[in-house]
Amino acid sequence: MNNVVLAAAVPVARGISHVWARNWRVYLKNPLLNFAIPFLEPILTLAAIGFGIGAYVGMVGDVSYSCFFAPAVIGTAVMHAAFFECSYASYVRMYYQKTFDAITATPVTLREVVLGEVLWGATKGVIYAACILVVLAIAGLADFPASLLVIPLALLSGVLFAAIAICFTAISPGIDALNYPMFLFITPMFLFCGTFFPLELLPAPVQAFAFAFLPLTHVMALMRMITMGAPTPYALVHLAWLIGATVLFIPLGNRLMERRLIV
């Protein structure tokens, strides 16, 4: 039984790795730009909001505003990187560049292409998280070595946001339609999931909605627990929510993409 499962899994893993490797090679064609942005963005954001606005805000609970805001820089960066890569970038590869058609003309299946795209989107999120973590370490805004757990959390979060993005990519009639989930789903999460202020300041119904339906709420909570070295029993609840949503959206994205591309 185990040998049968392993024999079936190896070709799938190989196909996924080929898709991931193709995107990685394209990414490395412009390494200066692609690796400089993840370093420069958090520096500018922390300087303007964490330290700038933070000078006026002062303390949030028992920590400074810059310490409160720093984990949000990681969480939002992972969200934007993974979602953009598997929405706009994947749509370009699928529709305009015909990369999906070229890959599926080989022994690689569409399912492996979708999973490879999701894994690549998550990798972009991990790259951003790792670069930002270096900046936070230099600024003294992360608790080490516990903050290294940000990397596996970024991977899980990236897979989830990438899988959600693939779902939207599969049902979007055109690339312009991807503006709808960006502005109606990603932007509200960016603003109201505890990024700039504690979630507890929002009305109770909004808090309940954010907890039940918005993944960034759980990512942000776990990021703060990790970087501040202050885990709570709710960490398991947040982690279970993220894993459950990931298990839901990966097969859903695959199914929607098959309905779109397989006639």
C-alpha atoms as a PDB file:
ATOM      1  CA  MET A   1       0.000   0.000   0.000  1.00  0.00           C
ATOM      2  CA  ASN A   2       2.717   2.461   1.002  1.00  0.00           C
ATOM      3  CA  ASN A   3       4.766   1.539  -2.050  1.00  0.00           C
ATOM      4  CA  VAL A   4       1.770   2.176  -4.309  1.00  0.00           C
ATOM      5  CA  VAL A   5       1.179   5.604  -2.761  1.00  0.00           C
ATOM      6  CA  LEU A   6       4.869   6.460  -3.039  1.00  0.00           C
ATOM      7  CA  ALA A   7       4.998   5.318  -6.657  1.00  0.00           C
ATOM      8  CA  ALA A   8       2.045   7.578  -7.486  1.00  0.00           C
ATOM      9  CA  ALA A   9       3.390  10.547  -5.520  1.00  0.00           C
ATOM     10  CA  VAL A  10       6.871  10.627  -7.040  1.00  0.00           C
ATOM     11  CA  PRO A  11       5.804  11.613 -10.588  1.00  0.00           C
ATOM     12  CA  VAL A  12       3.456  14.260  -9.188  1.00  0.00           C
ATOM     13  CA  ALA A  13       6.226  15.723  -7.041  1.00  0.00           C
ATOM     14  CA  ARG A  14       8.555  15.694 -10.031  1.00  0.00           C
ATOM     15  CA  GLY A  15       6.051  17.571 -12.172  1.00  0.00           C
ATOM     16  CA  ILE A  16       5.442  20.151  -9.447  1.00  0.00           C
ATOM     17  CA  SER A  17       9.187  20.655  -9.035  1.00  0.00           C
ATOM     18  CA  HIS A  18       9.599  21.265 -12.777  1.00  0.00           C
ATOM     19  CA  VAL A  19       6.950  23.998 -12.725  1.00  0.00           C
ATOM     20  CA  TRP A  20       8.475  25.559  -9.625  1.00  0.00           C
ATOM     21  CA  ALA A  21      11.983  25.393 -11.087  1.00  0.00           C
ATOM     22  CA  ARG A  22      10.840  27.067 -14.304  1.00  0.00           C
ATOM     23  CA  ASN A  23       9.428  30.039 -12.357  1.00  0.00           C
ATOM     24  CA  TRP A  24      12.528  30.163 -10.138  1.00  0.00           C
ATOM     25  CA  ARG A  25      14.815  30.416 -13.165  1.00  0.00           C
ATOM     26  CA  VAL A  26      12.729  33.262 -14.576  1.00  0.00           C
ATOM     27  CA  TYR A  27      12.848  35.000 -11.189  1.00  0.00           C
ATOM     28  CA  LEU A  28      16.643  34.785 -11.091  1.00  0.00           C
ATOM     29  CA  LYS A  29      16.983  36.561 -14.417  1.00  0.00           C
ATOM     30  CA  ASN A  30      16.670  39.866 -12.560  1.00  0.00           C
ATOM     31  CA  PRO A  31      18.051  39.096  -9.083  1.00  0.00           C
ATOM     32  CA  LEU A  32      19.037  42.664  -8.172  1.00  0.00           C
ATOM     33  CA  LEU A  33      15.497  43.979  -8.563  1.00  0.00           C
ATOM     34  CA  ASN A  34      13.717  40.895  -7.248  1.00  0.00           C
ATOM     35  CA  PHE A  35      15.774  40.654  -4.043  1.00  0.00           C
ATOM     36  CA  ALA A  36      16.215  44.386  -3.438  1.00  0.00           C
ATOM     37  CA  ILE A  37      12.486  45.116  -3.239  1.00  0.00           C
ATOM     38  CA  PRO A  38      11.812  42.755  -0.285  1.00  0.00           C
ATOM     39  CA  PHE A  39      14.557  44.554   1.645  1.00  0.00           C
ATOM     40  CA  LEU A  40      13.696  48.133   0.692  1.00  0.00           C
ATOM     41  CA  GLU A  41       9.926  47.933   1.159  1.00  0.00           C
ATOM     42  CA  PRO A  42      10.009  47.022   4.881  1.00  0.00           C
ATOM     43  CA  ILE A  43      12.656  49.660   5.570  1.00  0.00           C
ATOM     44  CA  LEU A  44      10.489  52.381   4.020  1.00  0.00           C
ATOM     45  CA  THR A  45       7.307  51.072   5.636  1.00  0.00           C
ATOM     46  CA  LEU A  46       8.831  50.788   9.096  1.00  0.00           C
ATOM     47  CA  ALA A  47      10.404  54.217   8.800  1.00  0.00           C
ATOM     48  CA  ALA A  48       7.168  55.904   7.704  1.00  0.00           C
ATOM     49  CA  ILE A  49       4.603  54.049   9.823  1.00  0.00           C
ATOM     50  CA  GLY A  50       6.392  52.076  12.520  1.00  0.00           C
ATOM     51  CA  PHE A  51       8.717  54.839  13.632  1.00  0.00           C
ATOM     52  CA  GLY A  52       7.054  57.900  12.070  1.00  0.00           C
ATOM     53  CA  ILE A  53       3.417  57.450  13.060  1.00  0.00           C
ATOM     54  CA  GLY A  54       4.569  55.346  15.998  1.00  0.00           C
ATOM     55  CA  ALA A  55       6.183  58.415  17.527  1.00  0.00           C
ATOM     56  CA  TYR A  56       2.716  59.929  17.878  1.00  0.00           C
ATOM     57  CA  VAL A  57       0.844  56.757  18.809  1.00  0.00           C
ATOM     58  CA  GLY A  58       3.241  55.689  21.545  1.00  0.00           C
ATOM     59  CA  MET A  59       2.408  52.348  23.159  1.00  0.00           C
ATOM     60  CA  VAL A  60      -0.038  49.654  22.100  1.00  0.00           C
ATOM     61  CA  GLY A  61      -0.680  47.708  25.251  1.00  0.00           C
ATOM     62  CA  ASP A  62       2.700  46.817  26.715  1.00  0.00           C
ATOM     63  CA  VAL A  63       4.764  47.311  23.537  1.00  0.00           C
ATOM     64  CA  SER A  64       5.767  50.226  21.366  1.00  0.00           C
ATOM     65  CA  TYR A  65       3.829  50.859  18.189  1.00  0.00           C
ATOM     66  CA  SER A  66       6.854  49.943  16.072  1.00  0.00           C
ATOM     67  CA  CYS A  67       7.021  46.510  17.780  1.00  0.00           C
ATOM     68  CA  PHE A  68       3.271  46.083  17.292  1.00  0.00           C
ATOM     69  CA  PHE A  69       3.420  47.040  13.626  1.00  0.00           C
ATOM     70  CA  ALA A  70       6.582  45.126  12.654  1.00  0.00           C
ATOM     71  CA  PRO A  71       4.926  41.649  12.425  1.00  0.00           C
ATOM     72  CA  ALA A  72       2.226  43.178  10.232  1.00  0.00           C
ATOM     73  CA  VAL A  73       4.871  44.111   7.684  1.00  0.00           C
ATOM     74  CA  ILE A  74       5.732  40.425   7.305  1.00  0.00           C
ATOM     75  CA  GLY A  75       2.152  39.171   7.210  1.00  0.00           C
ATOM     76  CA  THR A  76       0.940  41.676   4.623  1.00  0.00           C
ATOM     77  CA  ALA A  77       4.039  41.169   2.477  1.00  0.00           C
ATOM     78  CA  VAL A  78       3.448  37.401   2.363  1.00  0.00           C
ATOM     79  CA  MET A  79      -0.196  37.978   1.468  1.00  0.00           C
ATOM     80  CA  HIS A  80       0.523  40.438  -1.331  1.00  0.00           C
ATOM     81  CA  ALA A  81       3.457  38.489  -2.774  1.00  0.00           C
ATOM     82  CA  ALA A  82       1.658  35.127  -2.891  1.00  0.00           C
ATOM     83  CA  PHE A  83      -1.685  36.514  -4.048  1.00  0.00           C
ATOM     84  CA  PHE A  84      -0.215  38.712  -6.788  1.00  0.00           C
ATOM     85  CA  GLU A  85       2.009  35.922  -8.088  1.00  0.00           C
ATOM     86  CA  CYS A  86      -0.852  33.438  -8.437  1.00  0.00           C
ATOM     87  CA  SER A  87      -3.400  35.941  -9.711  1.00  0.00           C
ATOM     88  CA  TYR A  88      -1.978  38.494 -12.137  1.00  0.00           C
ATOM     89  CA  ALA A  89       1.293  36.673 -12.860  1.00  0.00           C
ATOM     90  CA  SER A  90      -0.363  33.263 -13.200  1.00  0.00           C
ATOM     91  CA  TYR A  91      -3.039  34.736 -15.458  1.00  0.00           C
ATOM     92  CA  VAL A  92      -0.351  36.165 -17.719  1.00  0.00           C
ATOM     93  CA  ARG A  93       1.403  32.803 -17.858  1.00  0.00           C
ATOM     94  CA  MET A  94      -1.876  31.009 -18.492  1.00  0.00           C
ATOM     95  CA  TYR A  95      -3.569  33.302 -21.019  1.00  0.00           C
ATOM     96  CA  TYR A  96      -1.017  35.583 -22.673  1.00  0.00           C
ATOM     97  CA  GLN A  97       2.244  33.648 -22.604  1.00  0.00           C
ATOM     98  CA  LYS A  98       0.528  30.252 -23.026  1.00  0.00           C
ATOM     99  CA  THR A  99       3.011  28.789 -20.543  1.00  0.00           C
ATOM    100  CA  PHE A 100       0.411  26.419 -19.113  1.00  0.00           C
ATOM    101  CA  ASP A 101      -0.315  25.058 -22.597  1.00  0.00           C
ATOM    102  CA  ALA A 102       3.384  24.530 -23.263  1.00  0.00           C
ATOM    103  CA  ILE A 103       3.971  22.746 -19.958  1.00  0.00           C
ATOM    104  CA  THR A 104       0.935  20.476 -20.255  1.00  0.00           C
ATOM    105  CA  ALA A 105       2.131  19.445 -23.729  1.00  0.00           C
ATOM    106  CA  THR A 106       4.830  17.558 -21.802  1.00  0.00           C
ATOM    107  CA  PRO A 107       4.153  14.693 -19.343  1.00  0.00           C
ATOM    108  CA  VAL A 108       3.401  17.329 -16.669  1.00  0.00           C
ATOM    109  CA  THR A 109      -0.334  17.411 -15.886  1.00  0.00           C
ATOM    110  CA  LEU A 110      -2.514  20.453 -15.286  1.00  0.00           C
ATOM    111  CA  ARG A 111      -2.880  19.483 -11.636  1.00  0.00           C
ATOM    112  CA  GLU A 112       0.895  19.545 -11.264  1.00  0.00           C
ATOM    113  CA  VAL A 113       1.024  22.931 -12.994  1.00  0.00           C
ATOM    114  CA  VAL A 114      -1.529  24.342 -10.536  1.00  0.00           C
ATOM    115  CA  LEU A 115       0.288  22.902  -7.521  1.00  0.00           C
ATOM    116  CA  GLY A 116       3.606  24.141  -8.877  1.00  0.00           C
ATOM    117  CA  GLU A 117       2.154  27.634  -9.275  1.00  0.00           C
ATOM    118  CA  VAL A 118       0.816  27.545  -5.705  1.00  0.00           C
ATOM    119  CA  LEU A 119       4.167  26.382  -4.377  1.00  0.00           C
ATOM    120  CA  TRP A 120       5.950  29.114  -6.310  1.00  0.00           C
ATOM    121  CA  GLY A 121       3.547  31.759  -4.986  1.00  0.00           C
ATOM    122  CA  ALA A 122       4.244  30.519  -1.450  1.00  0.00           C
ATOM    123  CA  THR A 123       7.975  30.665  -2.169  1.00  0.00           C
ATOM    124  CA  LYS A 124       7.670  34.330  -3.116  1.00  0.00           C
ATOM    125  CA  GLY A 125       5.978  34.900   0.239  1.00  0.00           C
ATOM    126  CA  VAL A 126       8.806  33.089   2.072  1.00  0.00           C
ATOM    127  CA  ILE A 127      11.436  35.166   0.238  1.00  0.00           C
ATOM    128  CA  TYR A 128       9.715  38.364   1.341  1.00  0.00           C
ATOM    129  CA  ALA A 129       9.289  37.100   4.907  1.00  0.00           C
ATOM    130  CA  ALA A 130      12.968  36.113   5.185  1.00  0.00           C
ATOM    131  CA  CYS A 131      14.182  39.463   3.859  1.00  0.00           C
ATOM    132  CA  ILE A 132      11.885  41.409   6.175  1.00  0.00           C
ATOM    133  CA  LEU A 133      12.930  39.279   9.138  1.00  0.00           C
ATOM    134  CA  VAL A 134      16.535  40.327   8.540  1.00  0.00           C
ATOM    135  CA  VAL A 135      15.449  43.982   8.611  1.00  0.00           C
ATOM    136  CA  LEU A 136      13.465  43.461  11.819  1.00  0.00           C
ATOM    137  CA  ALA A 137      16.443  41.709  13.421  1.00  0.00           C
ATOM    138  CA  ILE A 138      18.711  44.652  12.604  1.00  0.00           C
ATOM    139  CA  ALA A 139      16.107  47.061  13.998  1.00  0.00           C
ATOM    140  CA  GLY A 140      15.708  44.963  17.166  1.00  0.00           C
ATOM    141  CA  LEU A 141      12.009  44.375  16.499  1.00  0.00           C
ATOM    142  CA  ALA A 142      11.946  40.572  16.551  1.00  0.00           C
ATOM    143  CA  ASP A 143      12.513  38.075  19.348  1.00  0.00           C
ATOM    144  CA  PHE A 144      15.137  35.483  18.361  1.00  0.00           C
ATOM    145  CA  PRO A 145      15.438  32.528  17.945  1.00  0.00           C
ATOM    146  CA  ALA A 146      11.633  32.184  18.236  1.00  0.00           C
ATOM    147  CA  SER A 147      11.149  34.537  15.284  1.00  0.00           C
ATOM    148  CA  LEU A 148      12.650  31.946  12.949  1.00  0.00           C
ATOM    149  CA  LEU A 149       9.249  30.214  13.137  1.00  0.00           C
ATOM    150  CA  VAL A 150       8.062  33.045  10.892  1.00  0.00           C
ATOM    151  CA  ILE A 151       9.516  31.133   7.921  1.00  0.00           C
ATOM    152  CA  PRO A 152       7.332  27.994   8.161  1.00  0.00           C
ATOM    153  CA  LEU A 153       4.345  30.201   8.987  1.00  0.00           C
ATOM    154  CA  ALA A 154       5.085  32.279   5.880  1.00  0.00           C
ATOM    155  CA  LEU A 155       5.170  29.072   3.834  1.00  0.00           C
ATOM    156  CA  LEU A 156       1.787  27.912   5.137  1.00  0.00           C
ATOM    157  CA  SER A 157       0.275  31.379   4.729  1.00  0.00           C
ATOM    158  CA  GLY A 158       1.762  31.736   1.271  1.00  0.00           C
ATOM    159  CA  VAL A 159       0.279  28.406   0.155  1.00  0.00           C
ATOM    160  CA  LEU A 160      -3.149  29.520   1.381  1.00  0.00           C
ATOM    161  CA  PHE A 161      -3.082  32.951  -0.282  1.00  0.00           C
ATOM    162  CA  ALA A 162      -1.657  31.441  -3.470  1.00  0.00           C
ATOM    163  CA  ALA A 163      -4.404  28.787  -3.541  1.00  0.00           C
ATOM    164  CA  ILE A 164      -7.088  31.440  -3.049  1.00  0.00           C
ATOM    165  CA  ALA A 165      -5.538  33.481  -5.849  1.00  0.00           C
ATOM    166  CA  ILE A 166      -5.584  30.472  -8.185  1.00  0.00           C
ATOM    167  CA  CYS A 167      -9.317  30.132  -7.550  1.00  0.00           C
ATOM    168  CA  PHE A 168      -9.888  33.727  -8.646  1.00  0.00           C
ATOM    169  CA  THR A 169      -7.571  33.296 -11.618  1.00  0.00           C
ATOM    170  CA  ALA A 170      -9.541  30.271 -12.768  1.00  0.00           C
ATOM    171  CA  ILE A 171     -12.898  32.085 -12.767  1.00  0.00           C
ATOM    172  CA  SER A 172     -11.788  35.531 -13.964  1.00  0.00           C
ATOM    173  CA  PRO A 173     -13.038  36.276 -17.506  1.00  0.00           C
ATOM    174  CA  GLY A 174     -10.156  38.684 -18.043  1.00  0.00           C
ATOM    175  CA  ILE A 175      -7.114  40.012 -16.245  1.00  0.00           C
ATOM    176  CA  ASP A 176      -8.930  43.247 -15.368  1.00  0.00           C
ATOM    177  CA  ALA A 177     -11.466  41.232 -13.367  1.00  0.00           C
ATOM    178  CA  LEU A 178      -8.706  40.332 -10.903  1.00  0.00           C
ATOM    179  CA  ASN A 179      -9.010  43.898  -9.617  1.00  0.00           C
ATOM    180  CA  TYR A 180     -12.222  42.842  -7.870  1.00  0.00           C
ATOM    181  CA  PRO A 181     -10.669  40.353  -5.410  1.00  0.00           C
ATOM    182  CA  MET A 182      -7.698  42.670  -4.989  1.00  0.00           C
ATOM    183  CA  PHE A 183      -9.853  45.603  -3.880  1.00  0.00           C
ATOM    184  CA  LEU A 184     -12.749  43.730  -2.287  1.00  0.00           C
ATOM    185  CA  PHE A 185     -10.800  40.966  -0.533  1.00  0.00           C
ATOM    186  CA  ILE A 186      -7.097  41.790  -0.192  1.00  0.00           C
ATOM    187  CA  THR A 187      -7.421  45.515   0.583  1.00  0.00           C
ATOM    188  CA  PRO A 188     -10.044  45.059   3.352  1.00  0.00           C
ATOM    189  CA  MET A 189      -7.816  42.420   4.958  1.00  0.00           C
ATOM    190  CA  PHE A 190      -4.863  44.784   4.741  1.00  0.00           C
ATOM    191  CA  LEU A 191      -6.851  47.454   6.586  1.00  0.00           C
ATOM    192  CA  PHE A 192      -9.044  45.568   9.049  1.00  0.00           C
ATOM    193  CA  CYS A 193      -7.260  42.399  10.183  1.00  0.00           C
ATOM    194  CA  GLY A 194      -5.157  43.937  12.921  1.00  0.00           C
ATOM    195  CA  THR A 195      -2.480  45.420  10.683  1.00  0.00           C
ATOM    196  CA  PHE A 196      -2.401  49.019  11.878  1.00  0.00           C
ATOM    197  CA  PHE A 197      -4.379  48.718  15.105  1.00  0.00           C
ATOM    198  CA  PRO A 198      -5.580  45.934  17.421  1.00  0.00           C
ATOM    199  CA  LEU A 199      -8.529  43.982  16.094  1.00  0.00           C
ATOM    200  CA  GLU A 200     -10.260  44.487  19.447  1.00  0.00           C
ATOM    201  CA  LEU A 201     -10.894  48.147  18.561  1.00  0.00           C
ATOM    202  CA  LEU A 202     -13.381  47.140  15.867  1.00  0.00           C
ATOM    203  CA  PRO A 203     -17.078  46.462  16.600  1.00  0.00           C
ATOM    204  CA  ALA A 204     -17.782  42.923  17.798  1.00  0.00           C
ATOM    205  CA  PRO A 205     -19.616  41.836  14.596  1.00  0.00           C
ATOM    206  CA  VAL A 206     -16.677  42.996  12.478  1.00  0.00           C
ATOM    207  CA  GLN A 207     -14.259  41.121  14.746  1.00  0.00           C
ATOM    208  CA  ALA A 208     -16.347  37.952  14.400  1.00  0.00           C
ATOM    209  CA  PHE A 209     -16.462  38.306  10.613  1.00  0.00           C
ATOM    210  CA  ALA A 210     -12.695  38.863  10.406  1.00  0.00           C
ATOM    211  CA  PHE A 211     -12.019  35.841  12.605  1.00  0.00           C
ATOM    212  CA  ALA A 212     -14.385  33.568  10.688  1.00  0.00           C
ATOM    213  CA  PHE A 213     -13.661  34.532   7.080  1.00  0.00           C
ATOM    214  CA  LEU A 214     -10.443  36.553   6.684  1.00  0.00           C
ATOM    215  CA  PRO A 215      -7.201  34.518   6.722  1.00  0.00           C
ATOM    216  CA  LEU A 216      -4.941  37.496   7.392  1.00  0.00           C
ATOM    217  CA  THR A 217      -6.534  37.800  10.847  1.00  0.00           C
ATOM    218  CA  HIS A 218      -5.021  34.468  11.847  1.00  0.00           C
ATOM    219  CA  VAL A 219      -1.719  35.110  10.072  1.00  0.00           C
ATOM    220  CA  MET A 220      -1.328  38.417  11.869  1.00  0.00           C
ATOM    221  CA  ALA A 221      -2.128  36.947  15.274  1.00  0.00           C
ATOM    222  CA  LEU A 222       0.444  34.172  14.841  1.00  0.00           C
ATOM    223  CA  MET A 223       3.087  36.557  13.465  1.00  0.00           C
ATOM    224  CA  ARG A 224       2.781  38.724  16.563  1.00  0.00           C
ATOM    225  CA  MET A 225       2.943  35.749  18.916  1.00  0.00           C
ATOM    226  CA  ILE A 226       6.120  34.545  17.200  1.00  0.00           C
ATOM    227  CA  THR A 227       8.016  37.810  16.793  1.00  0.00           C
ATOM    228  CA  MET A 228       7.123  39.025  20.282  1.00  0.00           C
ATOM    229  CA  GLY A 229       7.822  35.654  21.900  1.00  0.00           C
ATOM    230  CA  ALA A 230       4.391  35.620  23.527  1.00  0.00           C
ATOM    231  CA  PRO A 231       2.384  32.556  22.393  1.00  0.00           C
ATOM    232  CA  THR A 232      -1.119  31.967  23.732  1.00  0.00           C
ATOM    233  CA  PRO A 233      -3.455  28.937  23.689  1.00  0.00           C
ATOM    234  CA  TYR A 234      -5.295  30.597  20.782  1.00  0.00           C
ATOM    235  CA  ALA A 235      -2.246  29.881  18.591  1.00  0.00           C
ATOM    236  CA  LEU A 236      -3.567  26.363  17.940  1.00  0.00           C
ATOM    237  CA  VAL A 237      -6.952  27.768  16.906  1.00  0.00           C
ATOM    238  CA  HIS A 238      -5.337  30.181  14.436  1.00  0.00           C
ATOM    239  CA  LEU A 239      -3.086  27.436  13.083  1.00  0.00           C
ATOM    240  CA  ALA A 240      -5.987  25.000  12.687  1.00  0.00           C
ATOM    241  CA  TRP A 241      -7.984  27.649  10.793  1.00  0.00           C
ATOM    242  CA  LEU A 242      -5.123  28.243   8.350  1.00  0.00           C
ATOM    243  CA  ILE A 243      -4.514  24.533   7.767  1.00  0.00           C
ATOM    244  CA  GLY A 244      -8.227  23.841   7.271  1.00  0.00           C
ATOM    245  CA  ALA A 245      -8.603  26.687   4.773  1.00  0.00           C
ATOM    246  CA  THR A 246      -5.505  25.532   2.887  1.00  0.00           C
ATOM    247  CA  VAL A 247      -6.854  21.992   2.628  1.00  0.00           C
ATOM    248  CA  LEU A 248     -10.098  23.449   1.252  1.00  0.00           C
ATOM    249  CA  PHE A 249      -8.728  25.891  -1.324  1.00  0.00           C
ATOM    250  CA  ILE A 250      -5.965  23.788  -2.916  1.00  0.00           C
ATOM    251  CA  PRO A 251      -8.325  21.144  -4.416  1.00  0.00           C
ATOM    252  CA  LEU A 252     -10.897  23.854  -5.155  1.00  0.00           C
ATOM    253  CA  GLY A 253      -8.364  25.841  -7.167  1.00  0.00           C
ATOM    254  CA  ASN A 254      -7.312  22.708  -9.024  1.00  0.00           C
ATOM    255  CA  ARG A 255     -10.921  21.826  -9.832  1.00  0.00           C
ATOM    256  CA  LEU A 256     -11.772  25.334 -11.048  1.00  0.00           C
ATOM    257  CA  MET A 257      -8.675  25.454 -13.236  1.00  0.00           C
ATOM    258  CA  GLU A 258      -9.567  22.081 -14.773  1.00  0.00           C
ATOM    259  CA  ARG A 259     -13.065  23.350 -15.572  1.00  0.00           C
ATOM    260  CA  ARG A 260     -11.570  26.366 -17.308  1.00  0.00           C
ATOM    261  CA  LEU A 261      -8.755  24.758 -19.289  1.00  0.00           C
ATOM    262  CA  ILE A 262      -9.858  21.189 -19.970  1.00  0.00           C
ATOM    263  CA  VAL A 263     -12.531  21.025 -22.652  1.00  0.00           C
END
